[in-house]
Amino acid sequence: MQQFADLRFGHAPLPEPTPGFDPVGDALALVERGMESPALEPIPGRQSFGSLGAGQRYVVRIPDAWNGKLVAAGTPATRSEFASDLIWSDYALSRGYAFAAGNKGIPFNAILEEGPGDRLRYELPFDLPGVTLRDKRLRFGALDPQPMSLADWYDDYVTTIETARELIHAATGREPELTYAVGISYGGAQVRKLLETRPDLADGGVEWASVFWSEQRHILTLLPGFLRLMPRYIASGYSDREAHDEIVALGFPADRTQDDPLHPSLWADHYSNSLPFYNDVTTFVFGRLIDPDSPDDFGLAERAAFVPSAAGRKIVASIAHTGALKRPVVAIAGEADVFVTPRHNLQGYAAAVGASGAAAQYRGYLIDNATHVDGYVGFGYGLQAQLPFAWAAFEQLERIVERHAKPDGTGTVKRIANPAEISAAG
């Protein structure tokens, strides 16, 4: 491990970017523009980059003023091990924690290329004002040269934590006395699975806007309906109430519109108005990842009509969450999350936790005026950042694990407007 005078984002060195791999950009993409680090003073300590196999990478940081504990971050989407640097690393290091994250074994996020797509390359179906994209395609590290196993993403989180513990022991002479698992989006899915299946590796978790895989409903049974109805809704100038209400009936939060030519509709910003066209590109990537029988021609119309095959349903069953938590979890999600919708992914998972008999381990918070990632806050729509809520959730988790606190709301999802409401819960 190398010693540095300051481990904070923007101070400790990161690897140079390469096509599809942007350590700085990955961190900035998930936070509100202009967000300041919670770490106000330099944090001297040690940092290590490493790899556990082809395409796999991890980062481990240990502050000199180490408190004996570890925060291990799951990684969202197909982003790098540095995606949580501004969300979790600076926060954890400033509080004395060591920090670790891996990349789920995905060598790069996505590379923009010229020319039409093919079975494993996403042909961009929309243009943006002043930007022609329809002659370009995205090549994804999770699909190149062939689709990855989502089960391996869970395994990578396990191995990253085990490796971090070994490195910390080698550097300090002792292993962490407590480990907290944290994650946003698919990183939260990793946290859930870890605390269902490997409670020996973490003492509790915070999951934020987390993906919930269940055999009955999941993102690939929800997103295609959104894709099918959006062209009609957009063509109406966002005034087709029937189309709007059909989308809401699928489980999506109501649209938010505003008098802004660049960002007129929050739904449109998740469909065709802002890169990375979250709802469409995710249907493409995960359709290929979970379903070997997805159609060879998987264009916009086919994605809007997609129904997982028997083979796809079998793979979902193999990676599904059970809700059988063995460690405490504090969960947050935005009520205006148009991508990883809270009705299914937060409230649905809470129901699964209750059905498994693990309700005592779970506390959920649905946040007013918040969507999937804080990068959307700058678009307007009356949105607020969720990051302060995530930090309040972590501090509640500390009280549960270390002080045996029993906050109100066990086994429930409570709607809140202010992070102080998490703090006040106990």
Protein backbone atom coordinates (compact mmCIF):
# COMPACT_ATOMS: atom_id res chain seq x y z
CA MET A 1 0.00 0.00 0.00
CA GLN A 2 1.22 3.51 -0.76
CA GLN A 3 1.20 6.34 1.77
CA PHE A 4 -0.37 9.67 0.79
CA ALA A 5 -0.78 12.98 2.58
CA ASP A 6 -4.47 13.19 1.64
CA LEU A 7 -6.79 10.34 0.62
CA ARG A 8 -9.71 12.59 -0.32
CA PHE A 9 -11.28 12.66 -3.77
CA GLY A 10 -9.31 15.04 -5.96
CA HIS A 11 -6.20 14.72 -3.81
CA ALA A 12 -5.05 11.09 -3.76
CA PRO A 13 -4.04 9.90 -7.25
CA LEU A 14 -6.46 7.82 -9.31
CA PRO A 15 -5.68 5.80 -12.43
CA GLU A 16 -5.67 7.65 -15.73
CA PRO A 17 -8.89 7.36 -17.73
CA THR A 18 -9.07 4.99 -20.68
CA PRO A 19 -11.94 4.34 -23.10
CA GLY A 20 -14.96 3.35 -21.01
CA PHE A 21 -13.09 3.84 -17.72
CA ASP A 22 -13.32 7.26 -16.07
CA PRO A 23 -12.62 7.20 -12.31
CA VAL A 24 -13.32 10.91 -11.77
CA GLY A 25 -16.36 11.01 -14.04
CA ASP A 26 -17.90 7.94 -12.37
CA ALA A 27 -17.83 9.68 -8.99
CA LEU A 28 -19.15 13.01 -10.29
CA ALA A 29 -22.02 11.40 -12.21
CA LEU A 30 -23.81 10.31 -9.03
CA VAL A 31 -23.81 13.57 -7.06
CA GLU A 32 -25.37 16.99 -7.32
CA ARG A 33 -23.25 19.38 -9.37
CA GLY A 34 -21.06 21.49 -7.10
CA MET A 35 -21.42 19.10 -4.18
CA GLU A 36 -18.61 19.62 -1.67
CA SER A 37 -16.81 16.78 0.03
CA PRO A 38 -17.86 16.10 3.63
CA ALA A 39 -14.16 15.72 4.43
CA LEU A 40 -13.04 19.27 5.25
CA GLU A 41 -9.46 18.50 6.28
CA PRO A 42 -6.71 16.42 4.65
CA ILE A 43 -6.86 12.71 5.49
CA PRO A 44 -3.39 11.12 5.47
CA GLY A 45 -3.30 7.39 4.95
CA ARG A 46 -2.61 4.44 2.68
CA GLN A 47 -4.21 3.47 -0.63
CA SER A 48 -3.98 0.28 -2.65
CA PHE A 49 -5.23 -0.61 -6.12
CA GLY A 50 -5.33 -4.26 -7.11
CA SER A 51 -6.95 -6.97 -9.19
CA LEU A 52 -8.34 -10.41 -8.40
CA GLY A 53 -8.49 -11.61 -11.99
CA ALA A 54 -9.01 -10.60 -15.59
CA GLY A 55 -11.13 -7.45 -15.72
CA GLN A 56 -11.48 -7.23 -11.93
CA ARG A 57 -10.20 -4.26 -9.90
CA TYR A 58 -10.52 -2.96 -6.36
CA VAL A 59 -9.45 -0.02 -4.23
CA VAL A 60 -8.71 -0.07 -0.49
CA ARG A 61 -7.96 3.03 1.62
CA ILE A 62 -6.88 3.17 5.28
CA PRO A 63 -6.61 6.51 7.09
CA ASP A 64 -3.75 6.91 9.52
CA ALA A 65 -6.35 7.73 12.20
CA TRP A 66 -8.11 4.42 11.55
CA ASN A 67 -11.02 3.67 13.89
CA GLY A 68 -10.72 -0.10 13.45
CA LYS A 69 -13.77 -0.41 11.18
CA LEU A 70 -14.44 -0.82 7.45
CA VAL A 71 -17.01 0.56 4.99
CA ALA A 72 -17.32 -1.64 1.90
CA ALA A 73 -19.24 -0.18 -1.04
CA GLY A 74 -21.18 -2.11 -3.63
CA THR A 75 -20.88 -0.58 -7.09
CA PRO A 76 -23.77 0.82 -9.15
CA ALA A 77 -24.60 -0.20 -12.71
CA THR A 78 -21.52 -1.09 -14.75
CA ARG A 79 -19.41 1.67 -13.22
CA SER A 80 -15.94 1.42 -11.76
CA GLU A 81 -14.63 0.84 -8.26
CA PHE A 82 -14.32 4.63 -7.91
CA ALA A 83 -18.03 5.39 -8.44
CA SER A 84 -18.67 5.76 -4.70
CA ASP A 85 -15.70 8.01 -3.95
CA LEU A 86 -17.79 11.16 -3.39
CA ILE A 87 -20.81 9.35 -1.94
CA TRP A 88 -19.06 7.08 0.57
CA SER A 89 -15.26 7.14 0.52
CA ASP A 90 -14.63 10.72 1.68
CA TYR A 91 -17.44 10.43 4.23
CA ALA A 92 -16.14 7.15 5.66
CA LEU A 93 -12.49 8.21 5.70
CA SER A 94 -13.33 11.50 7.45
CA ARG A 95 -14.95 9.46 10.23
CA GLY A 96 -11.93 7.18 10.62
CA TYR A 97 -13.20 4.20 8.63
CA ALA A 98 -11.20 2.24 6.10
CA PHE A 99 -12.91 2.06 2.71
CA ALA A 100 -13.06 -0.60 0.00
CA ALA A 101 -14.85 -1.06 -3.31
CA GLY A 102 -14.62 -3.33 -6.35
CA ASN A 103 -15.83 -3.13 -9.93
CA LYS A 104 -17.93 -6.34 -10.05
CA GLY A 105 -15.36 -7.72 -12.50
CA ILE A 106 -16.55 -5.35 -15.27
CA PRO A 107 -13.42 -4.10 -17.09
CA PHE A 108 -15.02 -0.90 -18.47
CA ASN A 109 -18.39 0.84 -18.40
CA ALA A 110 -19.28 1.70 -22.00
CA ILE A 111 -17.35 2.82 -25.07
CA LEU A 112 -18.99 5.03 -27.68
CA GLU A 113 -18.24 3.81 -31.20
CA GLU A 114 -19.25 4.62 -34.77
CA GLY A 115 -21.54 2.44 -36.82
CA PRO A 116 -24.66 0.33 -36.31
CA GLY A 117 -25.15 -1.92 -33.33
CA ASP A 118 -25.22 -5.69 -33.21
CA ARG A 119 -26.45 -8.30 -30.77
CA LEU A 120 -24.21 -7.10 -27.93
CA ARG A 121 -23.82 -3.43 -28.89
CA TYR A 122 -26.49 -0.83 -28.20
CA GLU A 123 -27.33 1.33 -31.20
CA LEU A 124 -28.28 4.73 -29.80
CA PRO A 125 -31.91 5.35 -30.81
CA PHE A 126 -32.24 9.05 -29.91
CA ASP A 127 -30.54 12.34 -30.75
CA LEU A 128 -30.08 15.26 -28.38
CA PRO A 129 -30.27 18.98 -29.24
CA GLY A 130 -27.22 19.73 -31.36
CA VAL A 131 -25.85 16.17 -30.98
CA THR A 132 -26.39 13.40 -33.54
CA LEU A 133 -26.22 10.01 -31.87
CA ARG A 134 -28.13 7.68 -34.16
CA ASP A 135 -25.06 6.62 -36.12
CA LYS A 136 -23.29 5.59 -32.92
CA ARG A 137 -23.37 2.58 -30.61
CA LEU A 138 -22.27 1.67 -27.08
CA ARG A 139 -20.08 -1.31 -26.31
CA PHE A 140 -20.46 -2.42 -22.69
CA GLY A 141 -17.80 -4.10 -20.58
CA ALA A 142 -20.50 -6.29 -19.00
CA LEU A 143 -21.37 -7.72 -22.43
CA ASP A 144 -18.00 -7.77 -24.19
CA PRO A 145 -16.92 -10.25 -25.41
CA GLN A 146 -19.94 -12.09 -23.93
CA PRO A 147 -22.57 -11.41 -21.25
CA MET A 148 -21.37 -11.73 -17.67
CA SER A 149 -23.07 -13.76 -14.95
CA LEU A 150 -24.92 -11.54 -12.48
CA ALA A 151 -24.18 -14.11 -9.79
CA ASP A 152 -20.51 -13.21 -10.27
CA TRP A 153 -21.35 -9.62 -9.30
CA TYR A 154 -22.45 -10.84 -5.88
CA ASP A 155 -19.34 -13.01 -5.58
CA ASP A 156 -17.09 -10.08 -6.47
CA TYR A 157 -18.47 -8.07 -3.55
CA VAL A 158 -17.73 -10.96 -1.20
CA THR A 159 -14.20 -11.35 -2.51
CA THR A 160 -13.53 -7.60 -2.39
CA ILE A 161 -14.48 -7.50 1.30
CA GLU A 162 -12.36 -10.55 2.10
CA THR A 163 -9.40 -9.05 0.25
CA ALA A 164 -9.82 -5.70 1.98
CA ARG A 165 -9.76 -7.39 5.36
CA GLU A 166 -6.54 -9.21 4.45
CA LEU A 167 -4.89 -6.01 3.22
CA ILE A 168 -5.95 -4.09 6.30
CA HIS A 169 -4.59 -6.84 8.54
CA ALA A 170 -1.29 -6.85 6.67
CA ALA A 171 -1.02 -3.05 6.96
CA THR A 172 -2.16 -2.59 10.56
CA GLY A 173 -1.72 -5.95 12.27
CA ARG A 174 -5.45 -6.38 12.90
CA GLU A 175 -8.62 -7.02 10.96
CA PRO A 176 -11.60 -4.66 11.09
CA GLU A 177 -13.70 -5.16 14.20
CA LEU A 178 -16.84 -4.09 12.35
CA THR A 179 -17.73 -3.93 8.66
CA TYR A 180 -20.59 -1.93 7.15
CA ALA A 181 -21.91 -2.67 3.65
CA VAL A 182 -23.22 0.30 1.65
CA GLY A 183 -24.44 0.68 -1.90
CA ILE A 184 -26.58 2.61 -4.37
CA SER A 185 -28.66 1.10 -7.21
CA TYR A 186 -27.08 -2.22 -8.21
CA GLY A 187 -24.58 -1.67 -5.40
CA GLY A 188 -27.57 -1.83 -3.07
CA ALA A 189 -28.59 -5.12 -4.68
CA GLN A 190 -25.14 -6.41 -3.72
CA VAL A 191 -25.65 -5.21 -0.15
CA ARG A 192 -29.00 -7.00 0.12
CA LYS A 193 -27.66 -10.30 -1.18
CA LEU A 194 -24.57 -10.10 1.05
CA LEU A 195 -26.66 -9.59 4.19
CA GLU A 196 -29.03 -12.39 3.18
CA THR A 197 -26.28 -14.93 2.47
CA ARG A 198 -22.95 -13.88 4.05
CA PRO A 199 -23.70 -12.24 7.42
CA ASP A 200 -20.21 -13.23 8.55
CA LEU A 201 -18.78 -10.51 6.29
CA ALA A 202 -20.76 -7.46 7.43
CA ASP A 203 -22.47 -6.22 10.57
CA GLY A 204 -25.15 -4.20 8.81
CA GLY A 205 -25.89 -2.22 5.67
CA VAL A 206 -27.25 0.91 4.07
CA GLU A 207 -28.93 0.42 0.71
CA TRP A 208 -30.01 3.32 -1.49
CA ALA A 209 -32.36 3.11 -4.49
CA SER A 210 -31.56 -0.57 -4.65
CA VAL A 211 -32.51 -3.01 -7.39
CA PHE A 212 -34.80 -5.83 -6.21
CA TRP A 213 -34.76 -9.08 -8.15
CA SER A 214 -37.79 -11.24 -7.47
CA GLU A 215 -39.07 -14.06 -9.62
CA GLN A 216 -42.43 -12.37 -10.15
CA ARG A 217 -41.46 -8.75 -10.84
CA HIS A 218 -38.20 -7.00 -11.60
CA ILE A 219 -36.77 -4.27 -13.78
CA LEU A 220 -37.20 -6.34 -16.94
CA THR A 221 -40.90 -6.89 -16.29
CA LEU A 222 -41.39 -3.18 -15.49
CA LEU A 223 -39.26 -1.11 -17.86
CA PRO A 224 -40.60 -2.45 -21.19
CA GLY A 225 -44.10 -1.14 -20.44
CA PHE A 226 -42.64 2.29 -19.82
CA LEU A 227 -40.79 2.12 -23.15
CA ARG A 228 -43.96 1.05 -24.96
CA LEU A 229 -46.06 3.99 -23.72
CA MET A 230 -43.51 6.81 -23.75
CA PRO A 231 -43.57 7.61 -27.52
CA ARG A 232 -47.30 8.23 -27.30
CA TYR A 233 -46.92 10.34 -24.18
CA ILE A 234 -44.10 12.43 -25.67
CA ALA A 235 -45.97 12.93 -28.94
CA SER A 236 -48.84 14.46 -26.97
CA GLY A 237 -46.55 17.09 -25.48
CA TYR A 238 -46.82 15.29 -22.11
CA SER A 239 -50.60 15.86 -22.03
CA ASP A 240 -51.93 12.35 -22.75
CA ARG A 241 -53.44 11.51 -19.37
CA GLU A 242 -54.44 8.02 -20.43
CA ALA A 243 -50.86 7.13 -21.35
CA HIS A 244 -49.62 8.84 -18.18
CA ASP A 245 -52.00 6.92 -15.97
CA GLU A 246 -51.16 3.62 -17.67
CA ILE A 247 -47.49 4.16 -16.85
CA VAL A 248 -48.35 5.01 -13.24
CA ALA A 249 -50.47 1.87 -13.05
CA LEU A 250 -47.38 -0.16 -14.00
CA GLY A 251 -45.74 1.03 -10.78
CA PHE A 252 -43.98 4.23 -11.83
CA PRO A 253 -44.21 7.50 -9.88
CA ALA A 254 -46.16 10.29 -11.56
CA ASP A 255 -44.32 12.39 -14.11
CA ARG A 256 -43.02 15.85 -13.24
CA THR A 257 -43.18 18.48 -15.98
CA GLN A 258 -41.90 22.04 -16.13
CA ASP A 259 -41.53 24.95 -18.53
CA ASP A 260 -37.96 24.18 -19.56
CA PRO A 261 -37.19 23.28 -23.18
CA LEU A 262 -34.12 21.27 -22.14
CA HIS A 263 -35.84 19.36 -19.34
CA PRO A 264 -39.61 19.43 -19.87
CA SER A 265 -40.42 16.02 -18.33
CA LEU A 266 -38.70 13.87 -15.71
CA TRP A 267 -39.95 10.77 -17.50
CA ALA A 268 -38.52 11.99 -20.79
CA ASP A 269 -35.18 12.64 -19.09
CA HIS A 270 -35.08 8.93 -18.23
CA TYR A 271 -36.21 7.85 -21.70
CA SER A 272 -34.91 9.90 -24.62
CA ASN A 273 -33.95 13.35 -23.40
CA SER A 274 -30.72 12.78 -21.45
CA LEU A 275 -27.83 10.38 -21.76
CA PRO A 276 -27.52 7.58 -20.80
CA PHE A 277 -31.24 7.04 -21.65
CA TYR A 278 -31.46 5.05 -18.41
CA ASN A 279 -34.67 3.09 -18.89
CA ASP A 280 -33.99 2.05 -22.46
CA VAL A 281 -30.29 1.25 -22.24
CA THR A 282 -30.88 -0.73 -19.03
CA THR A 283 -33.51 -2.85 -20.75
CA PHE A 284 -30.98 -3.62 -23.49
CA VAL A 285 -28.08 -4.42 -21.16
CA PHE A 286 -29.99 -6.50 -18.63
CA GLY A 287 -32.06 -8.18 -21.32
CA ARG A 288 -28.81 -9.48 -22.78
CA LEU A 289 -27.35 -10.28 -19.34
CA ILE A 290 -30.24 -12.37 -18.02
CA ASP A 291 -31.84 -13.80 -21.13
CA PRO A 292 -29.90 -15.93 -23.63
CA ASP A 293 -33.12 -16.16 -25.65
CA SER A 294 -33.62 -12.41 -25.99
CA PRO A 295 -34.27 -11.63 -29.66
CA ASP A 296 -31.34 -11.19 -32.02
CA ASP A 297 -32.98 -8.01 -33.29
CA PHE A 298 -33.33 -6.19 -29.97
CA GLY A 299 -34.13 -2.69 -31.17
CA LEU A 300 -36.35 -0.05 -29.62
CA ALA A 301 -39.61 -1.79 -30.58
CA GLU A 302 -38.37 -5.18 -29.39
CA ARG A 303 -37.23 -3.75 -26.07
CA ALA A 304 -40.65 -2.16 -25.58
CA ALA A 305 -42.28 -5.57 -26.14
CA PHE A 306 -39.72 -7.62 -24.22
CA VAL A 307 -40.91 -10.47 -22.01
CA PRO A 308 -38.24 -12.66 -20.37
CA SER A 309 -38.12 -16.20 -21.74
CA ALA A 310 -38.16 -19.37 -19.66
CA ALA A 311 -34.35 -19.34 -19.73
CA GLY A 312 -34.33 -15.72 -18.56
CA ARG A 313 -36.78 -16.47 -15.76
CA LYS A 314 -34.55 -19.31 -14.60
CA ILE A 315 -31.56 -16.98 -14.38
CA VAL A 316 -33.59 -14.40 -12.44
CA ALA A 317 -34.62 -17.13 -10.00
CA SER A 318 -30.96 -17.98 -9.45
CA ILE A 319 -30.03 -14.39 -8.50
CA ALA A 320 -33.27 -13.33 -6.80
CA HIS A 321 -33.31 -11.73 -3.38
CA THR A 322 -35.17 -13.60 -0.66
CA GLY A 323 -35.63 -10.87 1.95
CA ALA A 324 -34.14 -13.18 4.59
CA LEU A 325 -31.82 -10.57 6.09
CA LYS A 326 -29.41 -11.76 8.76
CA ARG A 327 -28.09 -8.30 9.65
CA PRO A 328 -29.76 -4.89 10.11
CA VAL A 329 -30.40 -2.73 7.06
CA VAL A 330 -31.43 0.91 6.77
CA ALA A 331 -32.86 1.65 3.32
CA ILE A 332 -33.61 4.87 1.46
CA ALA A 333 -35.15 5.60 -1.94
CA GLY A 334 -36.62 8.60 -3.74
CA GLU A 335 -40.38 8.75 -4.21
CA ALA A 336 -39.80 10.22 -7.72
CA ASP A 337 -37.39 7.49 -8.85
CA VAL A 338 -38.55 6.83 -12.42
CA PHE A 339 -35.88 4.17 -13.01
CA VAL A 340 -35.55 1.84 -10.00
CA THR A 341 -39.13 2.46 -8.95
CA PRO A 342 -39.75 2.53 -5.20
CA ARG A 343 -43.12 0.76 -5.37
CA HIS A 344 -41.41 -2.44 -6.40
CA ASN A 345 -37.76 -2.03 -5.46
CA LEU A 346 -38.11 -0.44 -1.98
CA GLN A 347 -41.60 -1.33 -0.83
CA GLY A 348 -41.57 -4.67 -2.64
CA TYR A 349 -38.33 -5.67 -0.95
CA ALA A 350 -39.67 -4.54 2.44
CA ALA A 351 -42.62 -6.88 1.89
CA ALA A 352 -40.24 -9.73 1.05
CA VAL A 353 -38.26 -9.03 4.22
CA GLY A 354 -41.45 -9.17 6.27
CA ALA A 355 -42.61 -12.37 4.58
CA SER A 356 -39.26 -14.01 5.38
CA GLY A 357 -39.66 -13.23 9.09
CA ALA A 358 -36.78 -10.71 9.11
CA ALA A 359 -38.80 -7.52 9.63
CA ALA A 360 -36.86 -6.69 12.80
CA GLN A 361 -33.75 -6.22 10.65
CA TYR A 362 -35.23 -3.63 8.27
CA ARG A 363 -36.06 0.08 8.29
CA GLY A 364 -36.98 1.89 5.09
CA TYR A 365 -37.40 5.57 4.22
CA LEU A 366 -39.13 6.95 1.13
CA ILE A 367 -37.80 10.45 0.46
CA ASP A 368 -39.99 13.25 -0.85
CA ASN A 369 -38.89 15.03 -4.02
CA ALA A 370 -35.95 12.71 -4.78
CA THR A 371 -35.17 10.56 -7.79
CA HIS A 372 -32.64 7.85 -8.61
CA VAL A 373 -29.32 9.73 -8.47
CA ASP A 374 -28.53 13.24 -7.30
CA GLY A 375 -27.19 14.24 -10.71
CA TYR A 376 -30.82 14.94 -11.69
CA VAL A 377 -31.24 17.61 -9.01
CA GLY A 378 -29.78 20.23 -11.34
CA PHE A 379 -32.53 19.55 -13.88
CA GLY A 380 -35.16 21.16 -11.66
CA TYR A 381 -38.51 19.47 -11.01
CA GLY A 382 -38.36 20.48 -7.35
CA LEU A 383 -35.93 17.63 -6.61
CA GLN A 384 -33.66 17.42 -3.57
CA ALA A 385 -30.43 15.50 -3.06
CA GLN A 386 -30.56 12.17 -1.23
CA LEU A 387 -26.94 12.10 -0.10
CA PRO A 388 -27.64 13.75 3.30
CA PHE A 389 -30.31 11.09 3.85
CA ALA A 390 -27.81 8.34 3.04
CA TRP A 391 -25.37 9.67 5.61
CA ALA A 392 -28.17 9.98 8.20
CA ALA A 393 -29.11 6.36 7.44
CA PHE A 394 -25.51 5.28 8.03
CA GLU A 395 -25.43 7.04 11.37
CA GLN A 396 -28.67 5.33 12.33
CA LEU A 397 -27.10 2.00 11.38
CA GLU A 398 -24.13 2.75 13.62
CA ARG A 399 -26.48 3.32 16.53
CA ILE A 400 -28.32 0.07 15.84
CA VAL A 401 -25.14 -2.03 15.59
CA GLU A 402 -22.91 -0.37 18.16
CA ARG A 403 -25.38 0.98 20.72
CA HIS A 404 -28.18 -1.56 20.24
CA ALA A 405 -30.62 1.23 19.43
CA LYS A 406 -34.11 0.25 18.33
CA PRO A 407 -35.41 3.10 16.16
CA ASP A 408 -39.08 3.46 15.41
CA GLY A 409 -40.34 1.95 12.19
CA THR A 410 -38.99 -1.58 12.38
CA GLY A 411 -40.11 -3.55 9.35
CA THR A 412 -41.79 -0.55 7.69
CA VAL A 413 -41.21 2.06 5.01
CA LYS A 414 -41.80 5.60 6.26
CA ARG A 415 -42.18 8.61 3.98
CA ILE A 416 -40.00 11.54 5.02
CA ALA A 417 -38.96 14.97 3.78
CA ASN A 418 -35.85 15.76 5.83
CA PRO A 419 -32.78 13.73 6.90
CA ALA A 420 -33.39 14.89 10.48
CA GLU A 421 -36.37 12.55 10.50
CA ILE A 422 -33.98 9.60 10.20
CA SER A 423 -31.82 10.97 12.98
CA ALA A 424 -34.84 11.54 15.20
CA ALA A 425 -36.02 7.96 14.73
CA GLY A 426 -33.35 6.73 17.11
